[in-house]
N, C-alpha and C. Protein backbone atom coordinates (compact mmCIF):
# COMPACT_ATOMS: atom_id res chain seq x y z
N MET A 1 0.90 -1.08 0.21
CA MET A 1 -0.07 -0.07 -0.18
C MET A 1 0.83 1.16 0.06
N ASN A 2 0.93 2.26 -0.78
CA ASN A 2 1.49 3.33 -0.79
C ASN A 2 1.08 4.35 0.42
N PRO A 3 2.24 5.19 0.65
CA PRO A 3 1.91 6.20 1.79
C PRO A 3 0.60 6.89 1.90
N THR A 4 0.35 7.45 0.51
CA THR A 4 -0.79 8.10 0.83
C THR A 4 -2.34 7.05 1.15
N ALA A 5 -2.03 6.32 0.75
CA ALA A 5 -3.32 5.13 1.04
C ALA A 5 -3.13 4.64 2.73
N THR A 6 -2.24 4.65 3.03
CA THR A 6 -1.89 3.79 4.21
C THR A 6 -2.59 5.09 4.98
N ARG A 7 -1.96 6.59 5.10
CA ARG A 7 -2.55 7.54 5.71
C ARG A 7 -3.83 7.93 5.60
N THR A 8 -4.43 7.36 4.56
CA THR A 8 -6.02 7.71 4.47
C THR A 8 -7.12 6.50 5.41
N VAL A 9 -6.03 5.67 5.21
CA VAL A 9 -6.74 4.31 6.29
C VAL A 9 -6.57 4.22 7.72
N LEU A 10 -5.57 4.93 8.03
CA LEU A 10 -5.33 5.36 9.35
C LEU A 10 -6.25 6.46 10.12
N ARG A 11 -6.42 7.67 8.96
CA ARG A 11 -7.19 8.46 9.16
C ARG A 11 -8.62 7.99 9.57
N GLU A 12 -9.16 7.02 8.30
CA GLU A 12 -10.38 6.75 8.65
C GLU A 12 -10.74 5.76 9.78
N ARG A 13 -9.58 4.87 10.22
CA ARG A 13 -9.35 4.34 11.36
C ARG A 13 -9.79 5.28 12.76
N CYS A 14 -9.26 6.13 12.89
CA CYS A 14 -9.52 7.03 13.95
C CYS A 14 -10.65 7.51 13.92
N ARG A 15 -11.02 7.99 12.73
CA ARG A 15 -12.48 8.65 12.75
C ARG A 15 -13.64 7.70 13.19
N GLU A 16 -13.47 6.39 12.65
CA GLU A 16 -14.47 5.48 12.78
C GLU A 16 -14.75 5.46 15.11
N THR A 17 -13.02 5.41 14.93
CA THR A 17 -13.32 5.10 16.63
C THR A 17 -13.70 6.10 17.46
N VAL A 18 -13.47 7.62 16.88
CA VAL A 18 -14.55 8.80 17.70
C VAL A 18 -15.46 8.33 17.14
N SER A 19 -16.42 7.88 16.16
CA SER A 19 -17.84 7.89 16.16
C SER A 19 -18.06 6.71 16.74
N ALA A 20 -17.47 6.03 17.17
CA ALA A 20 -17.97 4.56 18.03
C ALA A 20 -17.94 5.04 19.45
N CYS A 21 -16.96 5.97 19.58
CA CYS A 21 -16.90 6.22 21.22
C CYS A 21 -17.39 7.58 21.96
N GLN A 22 -18.30 8.04 20.80
CA GLN A 22 -19.00 9.46 20.98
C GLN A 22 -19.80 9.67 22.33
N ASP A 23 -20.97 8.50 22.11
CA ASP A 23 -21.90 8.80 23.19
C ASP A 23 -21.04 8.35 24.32
N ASN A 24 -20.02 7.74 24.50
CA ASN A 24 -19.53 6.98 26.02
C ASN A 24 -18.70 8.27 26.30
N VAL A 25 -17.82 9.43 25.57
CA VAL A 25 -17.22 10.30 26.15
C VAL A 25 -17.90 11.41 26.28
N LEU A 26 -19.32 11.57 25.55
CA LEU A 26 -20.02 12.42 26.03
C LEU A 26 -20.67 12.52 27.37
N THR A 27 -21.03 11.08 27.63
CA THR A 27 -21.48 10.61 28.78
C THR A 27 -20.61 11.12 30.17
N LEU A 28 -19.59 10.93 29.83
CA LEU A 28 -18.34 10.99 30.52
C LEU A 28 -18.19 12.45 30.71
N SER A 29 -18.21 13.40 30.16
CA SER A 29 -18.14 14.62 30.15
C SER A 29 -19.26 15.37 31.14
N HIS A 30 -20.21 14.93 30.86
CA HIS A 30 -21.65 15.47 31.21
C HIS A 30 -21.58 14.95 32.89
N SER A 31 -21.40 13.59 33.19
CA SER A 31 -20.69 12.89 34.50
C SER A 31 -19.81 13.57 35.23
N LEU A 32 -18.83 14.02 34.43
CA LEU A 32 -17.75 14.73 35.16
C LEU A 32 -18.03 16.36 35.66
N HIS A 33 -19.05 16.92 34.66
CA HIS A 33 -19.47 18.46 35.09
C HIS A 33 -20.42 18.29 36.08
N ALA A 34 -21.47 16.91 36.18
CA ALA A 34 -22.51 16.96 37.31
C ALA A 34 -21.98 16.69 38.72
N GLU A 35 -20.70 16.37 38.50
CA GLU A 35 -19.78 16.09 40.22
C GLU A 35 -18.39 16.38 39.96
N PRO A 36 -18.31 17.96 40.01
CA PRO A 36 -17.34 19.04 40.22
C PRO A 36 -16.22 18.46 41.20
N GLU A 37 -15.01 18.28 41.32
CA GLU A 37 -14.23 17.84 42.29
C GLU A 37 -13.01 18.66 42.42
N LEU A 38 -12.69 19.23 43.41
CA LEU A 38 -11.20 20.30 43.59
C LEU A 38 -10.10 19.43 43.14
N ALA A 39 -8.91 20.57 43.12
CA ALA A 39 -7.50 19.83 43.13
C ALA A 39 -7.35 18.91 44.25
N TYR A 40 -6.68 17.92 43.80
CA TYR A 40 -5.82 16.53 44.69
C TYR A 40 -7.19 15.59 45.31
N GLU A 41 -8.49 16.07 44.88
CA GLU A 41 -9.60 15.56 45.67
C GLU A 41 -10.60 14.66 44.26
N GLU A 42 -10.13 14.71 43.08
CA GLU A 42 -11.00 14.19 42.00
C GLU A 42 -11.01 12.81 42.06
N HIS A 43 -11.54 12.09 43.62
CA HIS A 43 -11.40 10.69 43.34
C HIS A 43 -12.38 10.15 42.32
N LYS A 44 -13.41 10.21 42.21
CA LYS A 44 -14.79 10.10 41.03
C LYS A 44 -14.40 10.17 39.69
N SER A 45 -13.81 11.48 39.74
CA SER A 45 -13.74 12.10 38.03
C SER A 45 -12.30 11.04 37.68
N ALA A 46 -11.25 10.75 38.60
CA ALA A 46 -10.08 10.09 37.92
C ALA A 46 -10.54 8.62 37.69
N ARG A 47 -11.67 8.08 38.73
CA ARG A 47 -12.25 6.57 38.47
C ARG A 47 -12.92 6.61 37.04
N LYS A 48 -13.92 7.64 36.77
CA LYS A 48 -14.38 7.51 36.02
C LYS A 48 -14.02 7.36 34.42
N ILE A 49 -12.52 8.51 34.23
CA ILE A 49 -12.00 8.03 33.22
C ILE A 49 -11.25 6.98 33.08
N ALA A 50 -10.56 6.50 34.20
CA ALA A 50 -9.37 5.19 34.22
C ALA A 50 -10.55 4.08 34.13
N ASP A 51 -11.56 3.95 34.43
CA ASP A 51 -12.41 2.83 34.21
C ASP A 51 -13.28 2.80 32.77
N LEU A 52 -13.26 4.02 31.78
CA LEU A 52 -13.64 4.05 30.78
C LEU A 52 -12.36 3.21 29.79
N VAL A 53 -11.15 3.86 29.96
CA VAL A 53 -10.08 3.52 29.30
C VAL A 53 -9.77 1.97 29.12
N GLU A 54 -9.74 1.62 30.88
CA GLU A 54 -9.56 -0.12 31.28
C GLU A 54 -10.45 -0.53 30.13
N ARG A 55 -11.98 -0.50 30.18
CA ARG A 55 -12.73 -1.16 29.42
C ARG A 55 -12.19 -0.95 27.79
N ALA A 56 -11.33 -0.14 27.53
CA ALA A 56 -10.90 -0.17 26.03
C ALA A 56 -9.67 -0.91 25.85
N ARG A 57 -9.18 -1.64 27.09
CA ARG A 57 -8.00 -2.23 27.31
C ARG A 57 -6.99 -1.60 27.45
N PHE A 58 -6.95 -0.53 28.14
CA PHE A 58 -5.48 0.33 28.29
C PHE A 58 -5.06 -0.59 29.61
N ALA A 59 -3.66 -0.28 29.55
CA ALA A 59 -3.50 -0.74 31.06
C ALA A 59 -3.15 0.26 31.79
N VAL A 60 -3.83 0.19 32.84
CA VAL A 60 -3.97 1.22 33.67
C VAL A 60 -3.44 1.50 35.02
N GLU A 61 -2.76 2.00 35.28
CA GLU A 61 -2.05 2.18 36.76
C GLU A 61 -2.62 3.37 37.29
N ARG A 62 -3.43 3.46 38.53
CA ARG A 62 -3.67 4.13 39.54
C ARG A 62 -2.84 4.64 40.67
N GLY A 63 -3.25 6.05 41.14
CA GLY A 63 -2.38 6.57 42.13
C GLY A 63 -1.19 6.66 41.77
N VAL A 64 -0.56 7.10 40.69
CA VAL A 64 0.79 7.14 40.30
C VAL A 64 1.50 8.61 41.02
N CYS A 65 2.72 8.23 41.26
CA CYS A 65 3.30 9.51 41.80
C CYS A 65 3.11 10.08 43.01
N ASP A 66 2.73 8.94 43.86
CA ASP A 66 2.14 9.23 45.18
C ASP A 66 1.09 10.24 45.25
N LEU A 67 -0.16 10.29 44.24
CA LEU A 67 -0.98 11.25 44.09
C LEU A 67 -2.18 10.27 43.79
N PRO A 68 -2.99 9.88 44.73
CA PRO A 68 -4.45 9.35 44.57
C PRO A 68 -5.29 9.85 43.38
N THR A 69 -5.24 10.59 43.19
CA THR A 69 -5.98 11.19 41.89
C THR A 69 -5.46 11.10 40.44
N ALA A 70 -3.85 10.76 40.37
CA ALA A 70 -3.20 10.60 39.16
C ALA A 70 -3.18 9.29 38.29
N PHE A 71 -3.19 8.96 37.24
CA PHE A 71 -3.27 7.91 36.72
C PHE A 71 -2.43 7.80 35.29
N THR A 72 -2.01 6.69 35.04
CA THR A 72 -1.77 6.51 33.31
C THR A 72 -2.39 5.31 33.12
N ALA A 73 -2.68 5.39 31.50
CA ALA A 73 -3.28 4.29 30.84
C ALA A 73 -2.47 4.06 29.26
N THR A 74 -2.16 3.01 29.10
CA THR A 74 -1.09 2.74 28.15
C THR A 74 -1.86 1.92 27.23
N ALA A 75 -1.75 2.17 25.91
CA ALA A 75 -2.01 1.30 24.85
C ALA A 75 -1.07 1.24 23.65
N GLY A 76 -0.76 0.12 23.12
CA GLY A 76 0.09 0.04 21.92
C GLY A 76 1.60 -0.52 22.41
N SER A 77 2.68 -0.90 21.61
CA SER A 77 3.50 -1.14 22.02
C SER A 77 4.86 -0.63 21.11
N GLY A 78 4.82 0.32 20.44
CA GLY A 78 5.73 1.18 20.00
C GLY A 78 6.68 1.62 20.83
N ASP A 79 8.11 2.08 20.60
CA ASP A 79 9.19 2.45 21.37
C ASP A 79 8.85 4.38 21.36
N LEU A 80 8.14 4.79 20.31
CA LEU A 80 7.91 6.43 20.71
C LEU A 80 6.54 6.23 21.41
N VAL A 81 7.11 6.87 22.53
CA VAL A 81 5.66 7.25 23.60
C VAL A 81 4.78 8.49 23.27
N ILE A 82 3.99 8.48 22.96
CA ILE A 82 2.99 9.72 23.13
C ILE A 82 2.00 10.10 24.36
N GLY A 83 2.38 11.34 25.07
CA GLY A 83 1.55 11.42 26.06
C GLY A 83 0.06 12.71 25.39
N ILE A 84 -0.79 12.01 26.15
CA ILE A 84 -2.03 12.87 26.34
C ILE A 84 -2.39 13.06 27.62
N CYS A 85 -2.88 14.38 27.77
CA CYS A 85 -3.21 14.89 29.09
C CYS A 85 -4.50 14.97 29.63
N ALA A 86 -4.93 14.42 30.56
CA ALA A 86 -6.38 14.61 30.81
C ALA A 86 -6.46 15.47 32.22
N GLU A 87 -7.06 16.29 31.96
CA GLU A 87 -7.55 17.19 33.33
C GLU A 87 -9.13 17.09 33.68
N TYR A 88 -9.08 17.09 34.48
CA TYR A 88 -10.59 17.20 35.28
C TYR A 88 -10.86 17.70 36.53
N ASP A 89 -10.28 18.08 36.82
CA ASP A 89 -10.44 19.26 38.54
C ASP A 89 -11.37 20.37 38.18
N ALA A 90 -12.27 20.76 39.04
CA ALA A 90 -13.01 22.15 38.87
C ALA A 90 -12.51 23.09 39.70
N LEU A 91 -13.70 24.57 39.69
CA LEU A 91 -12.84 25.68 40.66
C LEU A 91 -13.32 25.81 41.52
N PRO A 92 -13.10 26.02 42.84
CA PRO A 92 -13.88 26.52 44.12
C PRO A 92 -15.06 27.02 43.87
N GLY A 93 -16.32 26.76 44.30
CA GLY A 93 -17.41 27.50 44.32
C GLY A 93 -18.05 27.84 42.92
N ILE A 94 -17.63 27.10 41.80
CA ILE A 94 -18.06 27.34 40.66
C ILE A 94 -18.28 26.36 40.04
N GLY A 95 -17.34 24.92 40.07
CA GLY A 95 -17.54 23.96 39.27
C GLY A 95 -16.62 23.93 38.02
N HIS A 96 -17.34 23.65 37.19
CA HIS A 96 -16.57 23.15 36.02
C HIS A 96 -16.38 24.19 34.74
N ALA A 97 -16.35 25.45 35.59
CA ALA A 97 -16.47 26.73 34.43
C ALA A 97 -15.27 26.93 33.23
N CYS A 98 -14.29 26.53 33.98
CA CYS A 98 -12.90 26.29 32.87
C CYS A 98 -13.24 25.31 31.65
N GLY A 99 -14.17 24.05 32.00
CA GLY A 99 -14.59 23.18 31.32
C GLY A 99 -13.54 21.99 31.04
N HIS A 100 -12.79 21.79 32.24
CA HIS A 100 -12.09 20.48 32.31
C HIS A 100 -12.99 18.92 32.25
N ASN A 101 -14.17 19.46 32.49
CA ASN A 101 -14.79 17.98 32.06
C ASN A 101 -14.92 17.70 30.48
N VAL A 102 -14.83 18.99 29.57
CA VAL A 102 -14.59 18.74 28.41
C VAL A 102 -13.16 18.34 27.92
N ASN A 103 -12.23 19.08 28.67
CA ASN A 103 -10.83 18.67 28.72
C ASN A 103 -10.33 16.94 28.53
N GLY A 104 -11.00 16.64 30.07
CA GLY A 104 -10.97 15.20 30.22
C GLY A 104 -11.66 14.23 29.17
N ALA A 105 -12.89 14.45 28.73
CA ALA A 105 -13.38 13.76 28.03
C ALA A 105 -12.66 14.03 26.23
N ALA A 106 -12.23 14.94 26.13
CA ALA A 106 -11.61 15.21 24.77
C ALA A 106 -10.24 14.45 24.93
N ALA A 107 -9.43 14.35 25.65
CA ALA A 107 -8.35 13.75 26.10
C ALA A 107 -8.31 12.49 26.08
N VAL A 108 -9.66 11.35 26.28
CA VAL A 108 -9.90 10.50 26.44
C VAL A 108 -10.18 9.87 24.77
N THR A 109 -11.52 10.86 23.99
CA THR A 109 -11.29 10.46 22.79
C THR A 109 -10.11 10.27 21.86
N ALA A 110 -8.98 11.48 22.11
CA ALA A 110 -8.11 11.37 21.34
C ALA A 110 -6.95 10.43 21.61
N ALA A 111 -7.09 9.62 22.97
CA ALA A 111 -5.92 8.61 23.45
C ALA A 111 -7.13 7.22 22.69
N LEU A 112 -8.06 6.88 22.67
CA LEU A 112 -8.90 5.84 22.14
C LEU A 112 -8.70 6.00 20.50
N ALA A 113 -8.49 7.20 19.95
CA ALA A 113 -8.25 7.06 18.45
C ALA A 113 -6.88 6.64 17.92
N LEU A 114 -6.31 7.17 18.98
CA LEU A 114 -4.68 7.04 18.28
C LEU A 114 -4.54 5.43 18.91
N ALA A 115 -4.83 4.95 19.71
CA ALA A 115 -4.75 3.53 20.52
C ALA A 115 -5.31 2.55 19.20
N ALA A 116 -6.26 3.14 18.56
CA ALA A 116 -6.58 2.37 17.20
C ALA A 116 -5.62 2.37 16.59
N VAL A 117 -4.70 2.86 16.17
CA VAL A 117 -3.65 2.99 15.14
C VAL A 117 -2.47 2.93 15.49
N ALA A 118 -2.33 2.55 16.91
CA ALA A 118 -0.98 2.81 17.59
C ALA A 118 0.14 1.49 17.27
N ASP A 119 -0.28 0.28 17.07
CA ASP A 119 0.51 -0.74 16.44
C ASP A 119 1.03 -0.34 14.98
N GLY A 120 0.06 0.22 14.07
CA GLY A 120 0.34 0.28 12.81
C GLY A 120 1.58 1.57 12.63
N VAL A 121 1.42 2.29 13.56
CA VAL A 121 2.40 3.53 13.39
C VAL A 121 3.38 3.37 14.13
N GLY A 122 3.60 2.27 15.12
CA GLY A 122 4.68 2.42 16.18
C GLY A 122 4.90 3.14 17.11
N VAL A 123 3.54 3.48 17.86
CA VAL A 123 3.64 3.97 18.80
C VAL A 123 3.24 3.38 20.35
N THR A 124 3.28 4.14 21.26
CA THR A 124 2.57 3.68 22.67
C THR A 124 1.74 4.97 22.87
N VAL A 125 0.68 4.93 23.34
CA VAL A 125 -0.31 5.88 23.87
C VAL A 125 -0.32 6.07 25.30
N LYS A 126 -0.17 7.04 25.60
CA LYS A 126 0.14 7.37 27.39
C LYS A 126 -1.10 8.16 27.50
N LEU A 127 -2.02 7.67 28.13
CA LEU A 127 -3.12 8.65 28.73
C LEU A 127 -2.45 9.00 30.19
N LEU A 128 -2.26 10.46 30.37
CA LEU A 128 -1.94 11.00 31.75
C LEU A 128 -2.98 11.52 32.43
N GLY A 129 -3.84 11.20 33.73
CA GLY A 129 -4.50 11.55 34.42
C GLY A 129 -3.80 12.53 35.11
N THR A 130 -3.88 14.01 34.87
CA THR A 130 -3.09 14.73 35.85
C THR A 130 -4.14 15.52 36.70
N PRO A 131 -4.48 15.60 37.78
CA PRO A 131 -4.74 16.10 38.72
C PRO A 131 -4.40 17.42 39.03
N ALA A 132 -5.17 18.66 39.70
CA ALA A 132 -5.07 19.67 40.50
C ALA A 132 -4.40 20.73 39.17
N GLU A 133 -4.97 21.05 38.33
CA GLU A 133 -4.62 22.19 37.56
C GLU A 133 -4.92 23.56 37.59
N GLU A 134 -6.04 23.59 38.47
CA GLU A 134 -6.84 24.84 38.62
C GLU A 134 -5.89 25.42 39.58
N TYR A 135 -5.79 24.75 40.53
CA TYR A 135 -4.97 24.80 42.12
C TYR A 135 -4.14 23.73 42.88
N GLY A 136 -2.85 24.07 42.36
CA GLY A 136 -1.74 22.93 42.49
C GLY A 136 -1.09 22.71 41.23
N CYS A 137 -0.32 21.89 41.38
CA CYS A 137 0.87 21.54 40.37
C CYS A 137 0.76 20.28 39.92
N GLY A 138 -0.36 19.77 39.59
CA GLY A 138 -0.55 18.25 39.22
C GLY A 138 0.50 17.64 38.00
N LYS A 139 0.50 18.41 37.54
CA LYS A 139 1.33 17.82 36.15
C LYS A 139 2.98 17.86 36.67
N VAL A 140 3.19 18.98 37.46
CA VAL A 140 4.51 19.09 37.91
C VAL A 140 5.01 17.89 38.98
N ASP A 141 3.55 17.98 39.83
CA ASP A 141 3.88 16.57 40.58
C ASP A 141 4.56 15.52 39.86
N MET A 142 3.74 14.85 38.64
CA MET A 142 3.84 13.99 38.12
C MET A 142 4.92 13.88 37.00
N LEU A 143 5.37 14.72 36.68
CA LEU A 143 6.68 15.47 35.96
C LEU A 143 7.85 14.97 37.07
N HIS A 144 7.84 15.57 38.45
CA HIS A 144 8.99 15.26 39.35
C HIS A 144 8.77 13.53 39.75
N GLY A 145 7.45 12.87 39.98
CA GLY A 145 7.63 11.52 39.78
C GLY A 145 7.87 10.81 38.95
N GLY A 146 8.23 11.16 38.15
CA GLY A 146 8.73 10.25 36.53
C GLY A 146 7.94 9.92 35.31
N ALA A 147 6.41 10.61 35.94
CA ALA A 147 5.54 9.82 34.85
C ALA A 147 5.42 10.37 33.56
N PHE A 148 6.24 11.05 33.18
CA PHE A 148 6.64 11.56 31.78
C PHE A 148 7.88 11.04 31.22
N ASP A 149 8.81 10.44 32.26
CA ASP A 149 10.10 10.38 31.87
C ASP A 149 10.56 9.48 29.96
N ASP A 150 9.40 8.63 29.78
CA ASP A 150 9.48 7.97 28.83
C ASP A 150 8.81 8.54 27.42
N VAL A 151 7.97 9.63 27.82
CA VAL A 151 7.09 10.70 26.84
C VAL A 151 8.13 11.38 25.98
N ALA A 152 8.07 11.09 24.67
CA ALA A 152 8.59 11.72 23.60
C ALA A 152 7.71 12.95 23.47
N ALA A 153 6.40 13.16 23.28
CA ALA A 153 5.72 14.26 23.21
C ALA A 153 4.55 14.25 23.91
N ALA A 154 4.05 15.09 24.46
CA ALA A 154 2.82 15.53 25.71
C ALA A 154 2.01 16.64 24.98
N MET A 155 0.65 16.26 24.81
CA MET A 155 0.03 17.21 24.59
C MET A 155 -1.26 17.39 25.16
N MET A 156 -2.26 18.35 25.20
CA MET A 156 -3.62 18.24 25.61
C MET A 156 -4.55 18.99 24.80
N VAL A 157 -6.10 18.71 25.07
CA VAL A 157 -6.93 19.72 24.51
C VAL A 157 -7.46 20.31 26.03
N HIS A 158 -7.85 21.54 25.48
CA HIS A 158 -8.30 22.49 26.25
C HIS A 158 -9.53 22.97 25.81
N ALA A 159 -10.76 23.01 26.63
CA ALA A 159 -11.92 24.00 26.06
C ALA A 159 -11.93 25.30 25.42
N ALA A 160 -12.64 25.61 24.45
CA ALA A 160 -12.38 27.01 24.08
C ALA A 160 -13.52 27.35 23.53
N PRO A 161 -13.60 29.07 23.28
CA PRO A 161 -15.10 29.48 22.05
C PRO A 161 -14.66 28.81 20.86
N ALA A 162 -13.50 28.49 20.64
CA ALA A 162 -13.56 28.42 18.95
C ALA A 162 -12.34 27.38 18.69
N ASP A 163 -12.21 26.90 17.67
CA ASP A 163 -11.05 25.89 17.27
C ASP A 163 -10.04 26.44 17.03
N ALA A 164 -9.02 26.05 17.68
CA ALA A 164 -7.49 26.58 17.38
C ALA A 164 -6.75 25.53 17.99
N ILE A 165 -5.13 25.52 16.91
CA ILE A 165 -4.33 24.59 17.55
C ILE A 165 -3.19 26.00 18.03
N GLY A 166 -2.77 25.05 19.21
CA GLY A 166 -1.90 25.77 19.83
C GLY A 166 -2.52 27.42 20.66
N LEU A 167 -1.79 27.52 21.78
CA LEU A 167 -2.36 28.76 22.43
C LEU A 167 -1.10 29.25 23.54
N SER A 168 -1.33 30.47 23.68
CA SER A 168 -0.16 30.68 24.70
C SER A 168 -0.87 30.48 26.29
N ALA A 169 0.17 30.46 27.35
CA ALA A 169 -0.22 30.10 28.31
C ALA A 169 0.41 31.14 29.37
N LEU A 170 -0.06 31.23 30.91
CA LEU A 170 0.73 31.82 31.83
C LEU A 170 1.80 30.93 32.57
N ALA A 171 2.89 31.66 32.91
CA ALA A 171 3.97 30.51 33.28
C ALA A 171 3.60 29.95 34.91
N ILE A 172 3.81 28.80 35.10
CA ILE A 172 3.54 28.33 36.26
C ILE A 172 4.06 28.82 37.61
N SER A 173 5.19 29.80 37.47
CA SER A 173 6.21 30.22 38.51
C SER A 173 5.63 31.72 38.40
N SER A 174 6.23 32.78 39.31
CA SER A 174 6.08 33.97 39.31
C SER A 174 7.16 34.64 39.95
N TRP A 175 7.81 35.44 39.76
CA TRP A 175 8.83 36.11 40.67
C TRP A 175 8.33 37.53 40.90
N LYS A 176 9.12 38.27 42.06
CA LYS A 176 9.26 39.71 42.13
C LYS A 176 10.40 40.32 41.60
N VAL A 177 10.48 41.24 41.09
CA VAL A 177 11.62 41.58 40.26
C VAL A 177 11.99 42.98 40.57
N ALA A 178 13.13 43.78 41.42
CA ALA A 178 13.37 45.08 41.69
C ALA A 178 14.22 45.69 40.84
N TYR A 179 13.66 46.81 40.17
CA TYR A 179 14.77 47.41 39.37
C TYR A 179 15.52 48.57 39.96
N THR A 180 16.49 49.19 39.92
CA THR A 180 17.03 50.24 40.45
C THR A 180 17.68 51.25 39.24
N GLY A 181 17.77 52.25 39.50
CA GLY A 181 17.90 53.20 38.24
C GLY A 181 17.29 54.07 37.98
N GLN A 182 17.57 54.65 36.56
CA GLN A 182 16.97 55.42 36.26
C GLN A 182 15.64 55.17 35.31
N ALA A 183 14.54 55.49 35.65
CA ALA A 183 12.97 55.04 34.67
C ALA A 183 13.11 55.82 33.22
N VAL A 184 13.16 54.77 32.27
CA VAL A 184 12.98 55.09 30.87
C VAL A 184 12.34 54.03 30.20
N HIS A 185 11.53 54.47 29.13
CA HIS A 185 10.81 53.69 28.21
C HIS A 185 11.88 53.42 26.95
N ALA A 186 12.09 52.48 26.64
CA ALA A 186 12.78 52.24 25.55
C ALA A 186 12.26 52.83 24.09
N ALA A 187 11.17 52.62 24.19
CA ALA A 187 10.39 53.10 22.94
C ALA A 187 10.46 54.83 23.04
N ALA A 188 10.78 55.25 24.02
CA ALA A 188 10.75 56.75 23.93
C ALA A 188 12.40 57.31 23.48
N ILE A 189 12.99 56.47 23.30
CA ILE A 189 14.61 56.42 22.98
C ILE A 189 15.10 55.88 21.52
N ARG A 190 15.32 57.15 20.99
CA ARG A 190 15.86 56.92 19.33
C ARG A 190 17.15 56.43 19.32
N PRO A 191 17.45 55.44 18.29
CA PRO A 191 18.81 54.92 17.91
C PRO A 191 19.60 56.29 18.22
N ALA A 192 19.72 57.26 17.57
CA ALA A 192 20.44 58.23 17.62
C ALA A 192 20.92 59.02 19.17
N GLU A 193 19.87 59.06 19.86
CA GLU A 193 19.70 59.24 21.51
C GLU A 193 20.25 58.13 22.41
N SER A 194 20.55 57.09 21.98
CA SER A 194 20.99 56.03 22.87
C SER A 194 22.34 56.28 23.30
N THR A 195 22.47 55.95 24.56
CA THR A 195 23.51 56.17 25.69
C THR A 195 24.54 54.91 25.47
N ARG A 196 24.30 53.79 24.78
CA ARG A 196 24.82 52.86 24.74
C ARG A 196 26.31 52.84 24.44
N PRO A 197 27.29 52.74 25.40
CA PRO A 197 28.91 52.52 24.35
C PRO A 197 29.17 51.89 23.28
N THR A 198 29.67 52.43 22.35
CA THR A 198 29.98 51.58 21.18
C THR A 198 31.28 50.70 21.45
N PRO A 199 31.21 49.56 21.04
CA PRO A 199 32.26 48.58 21.25
C PRO A 199 33.65 49.34 20.30
């Protein structure tokens, strides 16, 4: 089979998988939304996602990295490991206003679709159940705990009002910086007025 035909077959298999799991992942999203759980307390949410992918024959390890609500679920046998992060925590006093019920369900959909072609393209799919994104550092905890050590590339899906690939994000760390000296705005200085010494 030529490469173009192979890609077409793989895409179709992924589409068929997405279509077949649509009802289950939509039910999952609604269920996560109906029972919002806060950072590091997402016991029901993590269990719902892990149970669903376990039924799809993923090898699930629960409570990874000393986090009771974190898990990994793998499918495929390739040397190249592709990580897909599933978020599922909610905001205090609000619930799933940031859409992590959608994020978790979309991550499951992506993992199931990729698992359907994993052996054919030589990859292992690793779904990472990442708690505490809203308040806490679940992904950082899992990174330090080694959950990402074998992952060649990691990605995630985040709910938004429009479709987009890629986005900007705030840093997880913050710093206090003190400046000393004369205040000036760089845009207010023309190159000819620069006081920078010439080499």
